[in-house]
Amino acid sequence: MSTARMRRVDEAMRQVLGDALAQDLKDPRIGFVTVTAVKTSPDLRHARVYVSVLGTEPEQEATLDGLRSAHGFLQGRVASELRLKRTPELAFTLDHTAENAARLEHLIQEARET
């Protein structure tokens, strides 16, 4: 169960990470990436960062590799911008919500046509 404070922390981390990805990372492996959500554990030791990546599956994997290698930089950026007792350890996960939505929309369109 997520409290109002946890939701604020998640949103603040999403904002900081999104800004850092858009402006500061220069890794060529990192393609067009959007931070869709951040879920932190109640003790603020771990944070799962959900990202949506535009591209093919190999491009998505390369982007995840780039994000994992930039882990220390991104974690430092979160620590410097947010005043938290602990800085969560970041774990990046692909968010397939957009792909699933497009697939469902396609299936609905097919059902309407028949």
PDB file of N, CA and C in Angstrom:
ATOM      1  N   MET A   1       0.843  -1.176   0.000  1.00  0.00           N
ATOM      2  CA  MET A   1       0.000   0.000   0.000  1.00  0.00           C
ATOM      3  C   MET A   1       0.885   1.235   0.000  1.00  0.00           C
ATOM      4  N   SER A   2       0.586   2.147  -0.864  1.00  0.00           N
ATOM      5  CA  SER A   2       1.441   3.306  -1.054  1.00  0.00           C
ATOM      6  C   SER A   2       0.811   4.532  -0.396  1.00  0.00           C
ATOM      7  N   THR A   3       1.599   5.198   0.399  1.00  0.00           N
ATOM      8  CA  THR A   3       1.127   6.399   1.081  1.00  0.00           C
ATOM      9  C   THR A   3       1.320   7.609   0.179  1.00  0.00           C
ATOM     10  N   ALA A   4       0.770   8.728   0.600  1.00  0.00           N
ATOM     11  CA  ALA A   4       0.911   9.956  -0.180  1.00  0.00           C
ATOM     12  C   ALA A   4       2.383  10.349  -0.289  1.00  0.00           C
ATOM     13  N   ARG A   5       3.139  10.163   0.769  1.00  0.00           N
ATOM     14  CA  ARG A   5       4.560  10.510   0.737  1.00  0.00           C
ATOM     15  C   ARG A   5       5.301   9.635  -0.278  1.00  0.00           C
ATOM     16  N   MET A   6       5.012   8.350  -0.295  1.00  0.00           N
ATOM     17  CA  MET A   6       5.675   7.447  -1.232  1.00  0.00           C
ATOM     18  C   MET A   6       5.342   7.827  -2.674  1.00  0.00           C
ATOM     19  N   ARG A   7       4.096   8.213  -2.917  1.00  0.00           N
ATOM     20  CA  ARG A   7       3.719   8.643  -4.267  1.00  0.00           C
ATOM     21  C   ARG A   7       4.478   9.903  -4.662  1.00  0.00           C
ATOM     22  N   ARG A   8       4.663  10.829  -3.721  1.00  0.00           N
ATOM     23  CA  ARG A   8       5.424  12.049  -4.012  1.00  0.00           C
ATOM     24  C   ARG A   8       6.890  11.727  -4.296  1.00  0.00           C
ATOM     25  N   VAL A   9       7.467  10.825  -3.514  1.00  0.00           N
ATOM     26  CA  VAL A   9       8.858  10.417  -3.747  1.00  0.00           C
ATOM     27  C   VAL A   9       8.985   9.747  -5.111  1.00  0.00           C
ATOM     28  N   ASP A  10       8.064   8.849  -5.442  1.00  0.00           N
ATOM     29  CA  ASP A  10       8.090   8.175  -6.743  1.00  0.00           C
ATOM     30  C   ASP A  10       8.014   9.188  -7.885  1.00  0.00           C
ATOM     31  N   GLU A  11       7.120  10.150  -7.765  1.00  0.00           N
ATOM     32  CA  GLU A  11       6.957  11.154  -8.814  1.00  0.00           C
ATOM     33  C   GLU A  11       8.184  12.058  -8.920  1.00  0.00           C
ATOM     34  N   ALA A  12       8.760  12.445  -7.794  1.00  0.00           N
ATOM     35  CA  ALA A  12       9.961  13.284  -7.814  1.00  0.00           C
ATOM     36  C   ALA A  12      11.128  12.530  -8.455  1.00  0.00           C
ATOM     37  N   MET A  13      11.270  11.258  -8.135  1.00  0.00           N
ATOM     38  CA  MET A  13      12.337  10.457  -8.746  1.00  0.00           C
ATOM     39  C   MET A  13      12.104  10.299 -10.242  1.00  0.00           C
ATOM     40  N   ARG A  14      10.875  10.103 -10.647  1.00  0.00           N
ATOM     41  CA  ARG A  14      10.550   9.985 -12.073  1.00  0.00           C
ATOM     42  C   ARG A  14      10.942  11.265 -12.810  1.00  0.00           C
ATOM     43  N   GLN A  15      10.656  12.402 -12.193  1.00  0.00           N
ATOM     44  CA  GLN A  15      10.988  13.687 -12.807  1.00  0.00           C
ATOM     45  C   GLN A  15      12.493  13.879 -12.936  1.00  0.00           C
ATOM     46  N   VAL A  16      13.233  13.604 -11.865  1.00  0.00           N
ATOM     47  CA  VAL A  16      14.694  13.768 -11.875  1.00  0.00           C
ATOM     48  C   VAL A  16      15.331  12.828 -12.893  1.00  0.00           C
ATOM     49  N   LEU A  17      14.919  11.577 -12.901  1.00  0.00           N
ATOM     50  CA  LEU A  17      15.490  10.607 -13.835  1.00  0.00           C
ATOM     51  C   LEU A  17      15.143  10.956 -15.282  1.00  0.00           C
ATOM     52  N   GLY A  18      13.918  11.387 -15.509  1.00  0.00           N
ATOM     53  CA  GLY A  18      13.518  11.784 -16.859  1.00  0.00           C
ATOM     54  C   GLY A  18      14.349  12.949 -17.368  1.00  0.00           C
ATOM     55  N   ASP A  19      14.575  13.944 -16.522  1.00  0.00           N
ATOM     56  CA  ASP A  19      15.404  15.088 -16.909  1.00  0.00           C
ATOM     57  C   ASP A  19      16.842  14.661 -17.177  1.00  0.00           C
ATOM     58  N   ALA A  20      17.383  13.802 -16.319  1.00  0.00           N
ATOM     59  CA  ALA A  20      18.767  13.343 -16.491  1.00  0.00           C
ATOM     60  C   ALA A  20      18.913  12.552 -17.788  1.00  0.00           C
ATOM     61  N   LEU A  21      17.950  11.707 -18.105  1.00  0.00           N
ATOM     62  CA  LEU A  21      18.026  10.918 -19.340  1.00  0.00           C
ATOM     63  C   LEU A  21      17.929  11.810 -20.566  1.00  0.00           C
ATOM     64  N   ALA A  22      17.093  12.830 -20.496  1.00  0.00           N
ATOM     65  CA  ALA A  22      16.889  13.691 -21.657  1.00  0.00           C
ATOM     66  C   ALA A  22      18.063  14.633 -21.894  1.00  0.00           C
ATOM     67  N   GLN A  23      18.726  15.073 -20.834  1.00  0.00           N
ATOM     68  CA  GLN A  23      19.712  16.138 -20.994  1.00  0.00           C
ATOM     69  C   GLN A  23      21.149  15.717 -20.759  1.00  0.00           C
ATOM     70  N   ASP A  24      21.415  14.794 -19.863  1.00  0.00           N
ATOM     71  CA  ASP A  24      22.779  14.576 -19.399  1.00  0.00           C
ATOM     72  C   ASP A  24      23.468  13.328 -19.917  1.00  0.00           C
ATOM     73  N   LEU A  25      22.732  12.299 -20.255  1.00  0.00           N
ATOM     74  CA  LEU A  25      23.373  11.060 -20.698  1.00  0.00           C
ATOM     75  C   LEU A  25      23.729  11.138 -22.179  1.00  0.00           C
ATOM     76  N   LYS A  26      24.967  10.783 -22.482  1.00  0.00           N
ATOM     77  CA  LYS A  26      25.449  10.839 -23.862  1.00  0.00           C
ATOM     78  C   LYS A  26      25.796   9.459 -24.414  1.00  0.00           C
ATOM     79  N   ASP A  27      25.410   8.405 -23.728  1.00  0.00           N
ATOM     80  CA  ASP A  27      25.714   7.037 -24.156  1.00  0.00           C
ATOM     81  C   ASP A  27      24.988   6.742 -25.472  1.00  0.00           C
ATOM     82  N   PRO A  28      25.720   6.339 -26.516  1.00  0.00           N
ATOM     83  CA  PRO A  28      25.069   6.076 -27.810  1.00  0.00           C
ATOM     84  C   PRO A  28      24.116   4.879 -27.781  1.00  0.00           C
ATOM     85  N   ARG A  29      24.253   3.999 -26.787  1.00  0.00           N
ATOM     86  CA  ARG A  29      23.345   2.845 -26.702  1.00  0.00           C
ATOM     87  C   ARG A  29      21.946   3.265 -26.272  1.00  0.00           C
ATOM     88  N   ILE A  30      21.857   4.385 -25.584  1.00  0.00           N
ATOM     89  CA  ILE A  30      20.567   4.815 -25.043  1.00  0.00           C
ATOM     90  C   ILE A  30      19.804   5.559 -26.125  1.00  0.00           C
ATOM     91  N   GLY A  31      18.710   4.955 -26.566  1.00  0.00           N
ATOM     92  CA  GLY A  31      17.886   5.532 -27.612  1.00  0.00           C
ATOM     93  C   GLY A  31      16.819   6.440 -27.030  1.00  0.00           C
ATOM     94  N   PHE A  32      15.676   6.470 -27.699  1.00  0.00           N
ATOM     95  CA  PHE A  32      14.558   7.297 -27.251  1.00  0.00           C
ATOM     96  C   PHE A  32      13.879   6.596 -26.081  1.00  0.00           C
ATOM     97  N   VAL A  33      14.102   7.116 -24.881  1.00  0.00           N
ATOM     98  CA  VAL A  33      13.640   6.474 -23.652  1.00  0.00           C
ATOM     99  C   VAL A  33      12.729   7.425 -22.878  1.00  0.00           C
ATOM    100  N   THR A  34      11.678   6.875 -22.300  1.00  0.00           N
ATOM    101  CA  THR A  34      10.774   7.637 -21.446  1.00  0.00           C
ATOM    102  C   THR A  34      10.619   6.897 -20.127  1.00  0.00           C
ATOM    103  N   VAL A  35      10.770   7.611 -19.029  1.00  0.00           N
ATOM    104  CA  VAL A  35      10.539   7.024 -17.710  1.00  0.00           C
ATOM    105  C   VAL A  35       9.041   7.091 -17.475  1.00  0.00           C
ATOM    106  N   THR A  36       8.388   5.928 -17.412  1.00  0.00           N
ATOM    107  CA  THR A  36       6.934   5.907 -17.274  1.00  0.00           C
ATOM    108  C   THR A  36       6.486   5.854 -15.817  1.00  0.00           C
ATOM    109  N   ALA A  37       7.284   5.221 -14.959  1.00  0.00           N
ATOM    110  CA  ALA A  37       6.903   5.126 -13.548  1.00  0.00           C
ATOM    111  C   ALA A  37       8.118   4.742 -12.718  1.00  0.00           C
ATOM    112  N   VAL A  38       8.039   5.054 -11.439  1.00  0.00           N
ATOM    113  CA  VAL A  38       9.048   4.632 -10.475  1.00  0.00           C
ATOM    114  C   VAL A  38       8.302   4.090  -9.265  1.00  0.00           C
ATOM    115  N   LYS A  39       8.692   2.923  -8.804  1.00  0.00           N
ATOM    116  CA  LYS A  39       8.102   2.309  -7.609  1.00  0.00           C
ATOM    117  C   LYS A  39       9.221   2.080  -6.599  1.00  0.00           C
ATOM    118  N   THR A  40       9.155   2.762  -5.468  1.00  0.00           N
ATOM    119  CA  THR A  40      10.170   2.592  -4.439  1.00  0.00           C
ATOM    120  C   THR A  40       9.645   1.684  -3.342  1.00  0.00           C
ATOM    121  N   SER A  41      10.556   0.981  -2.704  1.00  0.00           N
ATOM    122  CA  SER A  41      10.172   0.143  -1.571  1.00  0.00           C
ATOM    123  C   SER A  41       9.892   1.058  -0.374  1.00  0.00           C
ATOM    124  N   PRO A  42       9.097   0.611   0.576  1.00  0.00           N
ATOM    125  CA  PRO A  42       8.749   1.461   1.723  1.00  0.00           C
ATOM    126  C   PRO A  42       9.957   1.931   2.535  1.00  0.00           C
ATOM    127  N   ASP A  43      11.042   1.162   2.543  1.00  0.00           N
ATOM    128  CA  ASP A  43      12.225   1.579   3.298  1.00  0.00           C
ATOM    129  C   ASP A  43      13.187   2.425   2.461  1.00  0.00           C
ATOM    130  N   LEU A  44      12.814   2.754   1.221  1.00  0.00           N
ATOM    131  CA  LEU A  44      13.601   3.577   0.299  1.00  0.00           C
ATOM    132  C   LEU A  44      14.973   2.989  -0.033  1.00  0.00           C
ATOM    133  N   ARG A  45      15.117   1.689   0.057  1.00  0.00           N
ATOM    134  CA  ARG A  45      16.391   1.063  -0.299  1.00  0.00           C
ATOM    135  C   ARG A  45      16.454   0.660  -1.764  1.00  0.00           C
ATOM    136  N   HIS A  46      15.299   0.415  -2.363  1.00  0.00           N
ATOM    137  CA  HIS A  46      15.256  -0.051  -3.748  1.00  0.00           C
ATOM    138  C   HIS A  46      14.183   0.736  -4.511  1.00  0.00           C
ATOM    139  N   ALA A  47      14.471   0.969  -5.782  1.00  0.00           N
ATOM    140  CA  ALA A  47      13.494   1.619  -6.657  1.00  0.00           C
ATOM    141  C   ALA A  47      13.507   0.915  -7.999  1.00  0.00           C
ATOM    142  N   ARG A  48      12.349   0.532  -8.453  1.00  0.00           N
ATOM    143  CA  ARG A  48      12.223  -0.067  -9.784  1.00  0.00           C
ATOM    144  C   ARG A  48      11.773   1.049 -10.722  1.00  0.00           C
ATOM    145  N   VAL A  49      12.573   1.287 -11.755  1.00  0.00           N
ATOM    146  CA  VAL A  49      12.313   2.355 -12.711  1.00  0.00           C
ATOM    147  C   VAL A  49      11.783   1.715 -13.989  1.00  0.00           C
ATOM    148  N   TYR A  50      10.549   2.039 -14.350  1.00  0.00           N
ATOM    149  CA  TYR A  50       9.928   1.491 -15.548  1.00  0.00           C
ATOM    150  C   TYR A  50      10.181   2.462 -16.699  1.00  0.00           C
ATOM    151  N   VAL A  51      10.763   1.930 -17.785  1.00  0.00           N
ATOM    152  CA  VAL A  51      11.077   2.764 -18.933  1.00  0.00           C
ATOM    153  C   VAL A  51      10.432   2.198 -20.183  1.00  0.00           C
ATOM    154  N   SER A  52      10.011   3.094 -21.045  1.00  0.00           N
ATOM    155  CA  SER A  52       9.476   2.728 -22.343  1.00  0.00           C
ATOM    156  C   SER A  52      10.517   3.135 -23.374  1.00  0.00           C
ATOM    157  N   VAL A  53      10.888   2.201 -24.252  1.00  0.00           N
ATOM    158  CA  VAL A  53      11.939   2.445 -25.232  1.00  0.00           C
ATOM    159  C   VAL A  53      11.358   2.251 -26.626  1.00  0.00           C
ATOM    160  N   LEU A  54      11.569   3.251 -27.474  1.00  0.00           N
ATOM    161  CA  LEU A  54      11.121   3.164 -28.853  1.00  0.00           C
ATOM    162  C   LEU A  54      12.186   2.444 -29.666  1.00  0.00           C
ATOM    163  N   GLY A  55      11.799   1.394 -30.377  1.00  0.00           N
ATOM    164  CA  GLY A  55      12.757   0.676 -31.214  1.00  0.00           C
ATOM    165  C   GLY A  55      12.510  -0.816 -31.188  1.00  0.00           C
ATOM    166  N   THR A  56      13.399  -1.532 -31.865  1.00  0.00           N
ATOM    167  CA  THR A  56      13.298  -2.988 -31.931  1.00  0.00           C
ATOM    168  C   THR A  56      13.776  -3.599 -30.618  1.00  0.00           C
ATOM    169  N   GLU A  57      13.571  -4.898 -30.483  1.00  0.00           N
ATOM    170  CA  GLU A  57      13.972  -5.581 -29.253  1.00  0.00           C
ATOM    171  C   GLU A  57      15.473  -5.490 -28.985  1.00  0.00           C
ATOM    172  N   PRO A  58      16.350  -5.660 -29.994  1.00  0.00           N
ATOM    173  CA  PRO A  58      17.789  -5.480 -29.714  1.00  0.00           C
ATOM    174  C   PRO A  58      18.134  -4.049 -29.278  1.00  0.00           C
ATOM    175  N   GLU A  59      17.453  -3.065 -29.862  1.00  0.00           N
ATOM    176  CA  GLU A  59      17.676  -1.665 -29.458  1.00  0.00           C
ATOM    177  C   GLU A  59      17.213  -1.443 -28.025  1.00  0.00           C
ATOM    178  N   GLN A  60      16.102  -2.079 -27.657  1.00  0.00           N
ATOM    179  CA  GLN A  60      15.606  -1.958 -26.287  1.00  0.00           C
ATOM    180  C   GLN A  60      16.593  -2.566 -25.304  1.00  0.00           C
ATOM    181  N   GLU A  61      17.135  -3.734 -25.634  1.00  0.00           N
ATOM    182  CA  GLU A  61      18.119  -4.373 -24.753  1.00  0.00           C
ATOM    183  C   GLU A  61      19.392  -3.544 -24.644  1.00  0.00           C
ATOM    184  N   ALA A  62      19.834  -2.953 -25.761  1.00  0.00           N
ATOM    185  CA  ALA A  62      21.016  -2.095 -25.728  1.00  0.00           C
ATOM    186  C   ALA A  62      20.769  -0.870 -24.860  1.00  0.00           C
ATOM    187  N   THR A  63      19.576  -0.324 -24.937  1.00  0.00           N
ATOM    188  CA  THR A  63      19.232   0.829 -24.103  1.00  0.00           C
ATOM    189  C   THR A  63      19.239   0.442 -22.634  1.00  0.00           C
ATOM    190  N   LEU A  64      18.677  -0.732 -22.310  1.00  0.00           N
ATOM    191  CA  LEU A  64      18.696  -1.190 -20.907  1.00  0.00           C
ATOM    192  C   LEU A  64      20.131  -1.397 -20.423  1.00  0.00           C
ATOM    193  N   ASP A  65      20.995  -1.933 -21.277  1.00  0.00           N
ATOM    194  CA  ASP A  65      22.407  -2.084 -20.911  1.00  0.00           C
ATOM    195  C   ASP A  65      23.049  -0.729 -20.639  1.00  0.00           C
ATOM    196  N   GLY A  66      22.737   0.247 -21.474  1.00  0.00           N
ATOM    197  CA  GLY A  66      23.266   1.598 -21.278  1.00  0.00           C
ATOM    198  C   GLY A  66      22.776   2.221 -19.980  1.00  0.00           C
ATOM    199  N   LEU A  67      21.500   1.999 -19.673  1.00  0.00           N
ATOM    200  CA  LEU A  67      20.946   2.531 -18.422  1.00  0.00           C
ATOM    201  C   LEU A  67      21.594   1.861 -17.210  1.00  0.00           C
ATOM    202  N   ARG A  68      21.817   0.559 -17.316  1.00  0.00           N
ATOM    203  CA  ARG A  68      22.450  -0.148 -16.197  1.00  0.00           C
ATOM    204  C   ARG A  68      23.882   0.337 -15.994  1.00  0.00           C
ATOM    205  N   SER A  69      24.576   0.653 -17.081  1.00  0.00           N
ATOM    206  CA  SER A  69      25.949   1.142 -16.931  1.00  0.00           C
ATOM    207  C   SER A  69      25.982   2.572 -16.392  1.00  0.00           C
ATOM    208  N   ALA A  70      24.916   3.335 -16.618  1.00  0.00           N
ATOM    209  CA  ALA A  70      24.832   4.702 -16.102  1.00  0.00           C
ATOM    210  C   ALA A  70      24.186   4.743 -14.715  1.00  0.00           C
ATOM    211  N   HIS A  71      23.989   3.587 -14.119  1.00  0.00           N
ATOM    212  CA  HIS A  71      23.317   3.461 -12.825  1.00  0.00           C
ATOM    213  C   HIS A  71      23.912   4.389 -11.768  1.00  0.00           C
ATOM    214  N   GLY A  72      25.232   4.392 -11.633  1.00  0.00           N
ATOM    215  CA  GLY A  72      25.889   5.198 -10.607  1.00  0.00           C
ATOM    216  C   GLY A  72      25.672   6.686 -10.815  1.00  0.00           C
ATOM    217  N   PHE A  73      25.788   7.137 -12.073  1.00  0.00           N
ATOM    218  CA  PHE A  73      25.554   8.539 -12.384  1.00  0.00           C
ATOM    219  C   PHE A  73      24.127   8.943 -12.044  1.00  0.00           C
ATOM    220  N   LEU A  74      23.160   8.110 -12.473  1.00  0.00           N
ATOM    221  CA  LEU A  74      21.748   8.435 -12.230  1.00  0.00           C
ATOM    222  C   LEU A  74      21.415   8.411 -10.742  1.00  0.00           C
ATOM    223  N   GLN A  75      21.983   7.460 -10.024  1.00  0.00           N
ATOM    224  CA  GLN A  75      21.729   7.387  -8.590  1.00  0.00           C
ATOM    225  C   GLN A  75      22.326   8.617  -7.895  1.00  0.00           C
ATOM    226  N   GLY A  76      23.496   9.047  -8.327  1.00  0.00           N
ATOM    227  CA  GLY A  76      24.096  10.261  -7.781  1.00  0.00           C
ATOM    228  C   GLY A  76      23.268  11.490  -8.076  1.00  0.00           C
ATOM    229  N   ARG A  77      22.682  11.528  -9.261  1.00  0.00           N
ATOM    230  CA  ARG A  77      21.817  12.653  -9.632  1.00  0.00           C
ATOM    231  C   ARG A  77      20.584  12.707  -8.740  1.00  0.00           C
ATOM    232  N   VAL A  78      19.993  11.544  -8.466  1.00  0.00           N
ATOM    233  CA  VAL A  78      18.834  11.490  -7.564  1.00  0.00           C
ATOM    234  C   VAL A  78      19.240  11.959  -6.167  1.00  0.00           C
ATOM    235  N   ALA A  79      20.407  11.491  -5.701  1.00  0.00           N
ATOM    236  CA  ALA A  79      20.881  11.867  -4.363  1.00  0.00           C
ATOM    237  C   ALA A  79      21.127  13.365  -4.258  1.00  0.00           C
ATOM    238  N   SER A  80      21.645  13.975  -5.317  1.00  0.00           N
ATOM    239  CA  SER A  80      21.964  15.396  -5.239  1.00  0.00           C
ATOM    240  C   SER A  80      20.721  16.282  -5.331  1.00  0.00           C
ATOM    241  N   GLU A  81      19.680  15.803  -6.002  1.00  0.00           N
ATOM    242  CA  GLU A  81      18.503  16.649  -6.197  1.00  0.00           C
ATOM    243  C   GLU A  81      17.384  16.415  -5.186  1.00  0.00           C
ATOM    244  N   LEU A  82      17.356  15.235  -4.587  1.00  0.00           N
ATOM    245  CA  LEU A  82      16.296  14.943  -3.618  1.00  0.00           C
ATOM    246  C   LEU A  82      16.906  14.769  -2.229  1.00  0.00           C
ATOM    247  N   ARG A  83      16.279  15.316  -1.263  1.00  0.00           N
ATOM    248  CA  ARG A  83      16.762  15.174   0.108  1.00  0.00           C
ATOM    249  C   ARG A  83      16.063  13.976   0.755  1.00  0.00           C
ATOM    250  N   LEU A  84      16.731  12.840   0.641  1.00  0.00           N
ATOM    251  CA  LEU A  84      16.197  11.610   1.206  1.00  0.00           C
ATOM    252  C   LEU A  84      17.193  11.048   2.208  1.00  0.00           C
ATOM    253  N   LYS A  85      16.683  10.345   3.185  1.00  0.00           N
ATOM    254  CA  LYS A  85      17.558   9.717   4.168  1.00  0.00           C
ATOM    255  C   LYS A  85      18.485   8.701   3.499  1.00  0.00           C
ATOM    256  N   ARG A  86      17.932   7.939   2.578  1.00  0.00           N
ATOM    257  CA  ARG A  86      18.692   6.964   1.799  1.00  0.00           C
ATOM    258  C   ARG A  86      18.397   7.194   0.322  1.00  0.00           C
ATOM    259  N   THR A  87      19.385   6.933  -0.493  1.00  0.00           N
ATOM    260  CA  THR A  87      19.163   6.986  -1.939  1.00  0.00           C
ATOM    261  C   THR A  87      18.885   5.562  -2.411  1.00  0.00           C
ATOM    262  N   PRO A  88      17.736   5.336  -3.019  1.00  0.00           N
ATOM    263  CA  PRO A  88      17.388   3.975  -3.451  1.00  0.00           C
ATOM    264  C   PRO A  88      18.321   3.452  -4.532  1.00  0.00           C
ATOM    265  N   GLU A  89      18.547   2.152  -4.505  1.00  0.00           N
ATOM    266  CA  GLU A  89      19.289   1.483  -5.567  1.00  0.00           C
ATOM    267  C   GLU A  89      18.338   1.311  -6.749  1.00  0.00           C
ATOM    268  N   LEU A  90      18.760   1.757  -7.925  1.00  0.00           N
ATOM    269  CA  LEU A  90      17.893   1.770  -9.095  1.00  0.00           C
ATOM    270  C   LEU A  90      17.979   0.459  -9.868  1.00  0.00           C
ATOM    271  N   ALA A  91      16.817  -0.043 -10.282  1.00  0.00           N
ATOM    272  CA  ALA A  91      16.728  -1.227 -11.144  1.00  0.00           C
ATOM    273  C   ALA A  91      15.815  -0.850 -12.305  1.00  0.00           C
ATOM    274  N   PHE A  92      16.310  -0.995 -13.524  1.00  0.00           N
ATOM    275  CA  PHE A  92      15.550  -0.589 -14.703  1.00  0.00           C
ATOM    276  C   PHE A  92      14.802  -1.775 -15.298  1.00  0.00           C
ATOM    277  N   THR A  93      13.528  -1.535 -15.648  1.00  0.00           N
ATOM    278  CA  THR A  93      12.654  -2.567 -16.198  1.00  0.00           C
ATOM    279  C   THR A  93      11.906  -1.993 -17.398  1.00  0.00           C
ATOM    280  N   LEU A  94      11.807  -2.776 -18.462  1.00  0.00           N
ATOM    281  CA  LEU A  94      11.033  -2.330 -19.631  1.00  0.00           C
ATOM    282  C   LEU A  94       9.549  -2.310 -19.296  1.00  0.00           C
ATOM    283  N   ASP A  95       8.885  -1.259 -19.731  1.00  0.00           N
ATOM    284  CA  ASP A  95       7.443  -1.120 -19.545  1.00  0.00           C
ATOM    285  C   ASP A  95       6.784  -1.391 -20.900  1.00  0.00           C
ATOM    286  N   HIS A  96       6.028  -2.452 -20.982  1.00  0.00           N
ATOM    287  CA  HIS A  96       5.404  -2.860 -22.246  1.00  0.00           C
ATOM    288  C   HIS A  96       3.970  -2.366 -22.370  1.00  0.00           C
ATOM    289  N   THR A  97       3.566  -1.414 -21.575  1.00  0.00           N
ATOM    290  CA  THR A  97       2.188  -0.933 -21.574  1.00  0.00           C
ATOM    291  C   THR A  97       1.787  -0.367 -22.935  1.00  0.00           C
ATOM    292  N   ALA A  98       2.647   0.445 -23.543  1.00  0.00           N
ATOM    293  CA  ALA A  98       2.313   1.050 -24.840  1.00  0.00           C
ATOM    294  C   ALA A  98       2.161  -0.020 -25.915  1.00  0.00           C
ATOM    295  N   GLU A  99       3.044  -1.016 -25.913  1.00  0.00           N
ATOM    296  CA  GLU A  99       2.946  -2.099 -26.896  1.00  0.00           C
ATOM    297  C   GLU A  99       1.661  -2.892 -26.699  1.00  0.00           C
ATOM    298  N   ASN A 100       1.328  -3.178 -25.449  1.00  0.00           N
ATOM    299  CA  ASN A 100       0.094  -3.922 -25.166  1.00  0.00           C
ATOM    300  C   ASN A 100      -1.131  -3.122 -25.580  1.00  0.00           C
ATOM    301  N   ALA A 101      -1.114  -1.813 -25.347  1.00  0.00           N
ATOM    302  CA  ALA A 101      -2.245  -0.964 -25.733  1.00  0.00           C
ATOM    303  C   ALA A 101      -2.409  -0.952 -27.250  1.00  0.00           C
ATOM    304  N   ALA A 102      -1.304  -0.857 -27.980  1.00  0.00           N
ATOM    305  CA  ALA A 102      -1.378  -0.861 -29.446  1.00  0.00           C
ATOM    306  C   ALA A 102      -1.903  -2.201 -29.954  1.00  0.00           C
ATOM    307  N   ARG A 103      -1.461  -3.287 -29.324  1.00  0.00           N
ATOM    308  CA  ARG A 103      -1.928  -4.614 -29.720  1.00  0.00           C
ATOM    309  C   ARG A 103      -3.428  -4.759 -29.471  1.00  0.00           C
ATOM    310  N   LEU A 104      -3.903  -4.307 -28.315  1.00  0.00           N
ATOM    311  CA  LEU A 104      -5.333  -4.371 -28.015  1.00  0.00           C
ATOM    312  C   LEU A 104      -6.144  -3.511 -28.979  1.00  0.00           C
ATOM    313  N   GLU A 105      -5.623  -2.330 -29.290  1.00  0.00           N
ATOM    314  CA  GLU A 105      -6.324  -1.452 -30.223  1.00  0.00           C
ATOM    315  C   GLU A 105      -6.440  -2.115 -31.593  1.00  0.00           C
ATOM    316  N   HIS A 106      -5.368  -2.788 -32.016  1.00  0.00           N
ATOM    317  CA  HIS A 106      -5.386  -3.495 -33.290  1.00  0.00           C
ATOM    318  C   HIS A 106      -6.420  -4.622 -33.268  1.00  0.00           C
ATOM    319  N   LEU A 107      -6.478  -5.372 -32.172  1.00  0.00           N
ATOM    320  CA  LEU A 107      -7.453  -6.465 -32.057  1.00  0.00           C
ATOM    321  C   LEU A 107      -8.882  -5.933 -32.059  1.00  0.00           C
ATOM    322  N   ILE A 108      -9.112  -4.828 -31.392  1.00  0.00           N
ATOM    323  CA  ILE A 108     -10.457  -4.234 -31.377  1.00  0.00           C
ATOM    324  C   ILE A 108     -10.843  -3.772 -32.780  1.00  0.00           C
ATOM    325  N   GLN A 109      -9.872  -3.155 -33.476  1.00  0.00           N
ATOM    326  CA  GLN A 109     -10.127  -2.705 -34.847  1.00  0.00           C
ATOM    327  C   GLN A 109     -10.472  -3.892 -35.741  1.00  0.00           C
ATOM    328  N   GLU A 110      -9.757  -4.996 -35.606  1.00  0.00           N
ATOM    329  CA  GLU A 110     -10.052  -6.197 -36.396  1.00  0.00           C
ATOM    330  C   GLU A 110     -11.436  -6.727 -36.081  1.00  0.00           C
ATOM    331  N   ALA A 111     -11.810  -6.718 -34.804  1.00  0.00           N
ATOM    332  CA  ALA A 111     -13.124  -7.243 -34.408  1.00  0.00           C
ATOM    333  C   ALA A 111     -14.246  -6.384 -34.974  1.00  0.00           C
ATOM    334  N   ARG A 112     -14.032  -5.085 -35.059  1.00  0.00           N
ATOM    335  CA  ARG A 112     -15.049  -4.197 -35.612  1.00  0.00           C
ATOM    336  C   ARG A 112     -15.240  -4.430 -37.105  1.00  0.00           C
ATOM    337  N   GLU A 113     -14.148  -4.749 -37.786  1.00  0.00           N
ATOM    338  CA  GLU A 113     -14.205  -4.937 -39.239  1.00  0.00           C
ATOM    339  C   GLU A 113     -14.916  -6.236 -39.630  1.00  0.00           C
ATOM    340  N   THR A 114     -14.947  -7.217 -38.743  1.00  0.00           N
ATOM    341  CA  THR A 114     -15.580  -8.479 -39.094  1.00  0.00           C
ATOM    342  C   THR A 114     -17.012  -8.540 -38.680  1.00  0.00           C
TER     343      THR A 114
END
